[in-house]
Amino acid sequence: MPLMGNAVGTGIPSVDIAVYHLPELVALALGGLAIALAGAAFPAGWAAGTRTQSALRTE
């Protein structure tokens, strides 16, 4: 971001760039991982419990 701001001749304040601190970033990353795992659990469980031919046909 600072390089792009400098390229067009404007300065971007660090307050605008550093919005999240480390604890917030860790919480957001873990929350995203939990959402991704929860969203993948149902389809993966269904595919594991069904016949291979049916699972591949529904893709």
Protein backbone atom coordinates (compact mmCIF):
# COMPACT_ATOMS: atom_id res chain seq x y z
CA MET A 1 0.00 0.00 0.00
CA PRO A 2 2.68 2.57 0.80
CA LEU A 3 4.43 1.85 -2.52
CA MET A 4 1.19 2.42 -4.44
CA GLY A 5 0.54 5.63 -2.52
CA ASN A 6 4.04 6.88 -3.20
CA ALA A 7 3.73 5.97 -6.89
CA VAL A 8 0.81 8.37 -7.35
CA GLY A 9 2.33 11.03 -5.15
CA THR A 10 0.14 10.70 -2.08
CA GLY A 11 1.07 9.43 1.32
CA ILE A 12 -1.07 6.85 3.06
CA PRO A 13 -1.08 7.29 6.85
CA SER A 14 -0.06 4.23 8.84
CA VAL A 15 -3.35 4.48 10.74
CA ASP A 16 -5.15 3.60 7.51
CA ILE A 17 -2.91 0.60 6.85
CA ALA A 18 -2.51 -1.04 10.27
CA VAL A 19 -6.17 -1.64 11.07
CA TYR A 20 -5.90 -4.99 12.88
CA HIS A 21 -3.45 -5.99 15.60
CA LEU A 22 -1.95 -9.45 16.06
CA PRO A 23 -4.58 -10.88 18.49
CA GLU A 24 -7.37 -9.80 16.16
CA LEU A 25 -5.62 -11.29 13.13
CA VAL A 26 -5.15 -14.61 14.95
CA ALA A 27 -8.83 -14.67 15.95
CA LEU A 28 -9.93 -13.87 12.40
CA ALA A 29 -7.66 -16.56 10.95
CA LEU A 30 -8.93 -19.19 13.39
CA GLY A 31 -12.52 -18.16 12.73
CA GLY A 32 -12.00 -18.47 8.99
CA LEU A 33 -10.45 -21.89 9.44
CA ALA A 34 -13.37 -23.03 11.61
CA ILE A 35 -15.89 -21.80 9.03
CA ALA A 36 -14.01 -23.56 6.23
CA LEU A 37 -13.85 -26.84 8.14
CA ALA A 38 -17.53 -26.66 9.09
CA GLY A 39 -18.47 -25.93 5.48
CA ALA A 40 -16.45 -28.87 4.18
CA ALA A 41 -17.48 -31.42 6.81
CA PHE A 42 -20.97 -32.14 5.48
CA PRO A 43 -20.05 -32.70 1.82
CA ALA A 44 -16.98 -34.75 2.77
CA GLY A 45 -19.01 -36.90 5.15
CA TRP A 46 -21.67 -37.44 2.51
CA ALA A 47 -19.11 -38.37 -0.14
CA ALA A 48 -17.40 -40.80 2.24
CA GLY A 49 -20.68 -42.54 3.02
CA THR A 50 -21.99 -42.91 -0.53
CA ARG A 51 -20.88 -45.03 -3.45
CA THR A 52 -18.00 -43.66 -5.53
CA GLN A 53 -20.08 -43.59 -8.70
CA SER A 54 -22.83 -41.52 -7.08
CA ALA A 55 -20.38 -39.09 -5.50
CA LEU A 56 -18.55 -38.50 -8.77
CA ARG A 57 -21.80 -38.10 -10.75
CA THR A 58 -23.08 -35.36 -8.45
CA GLU A 59 -19.97 -33.19 -8.83
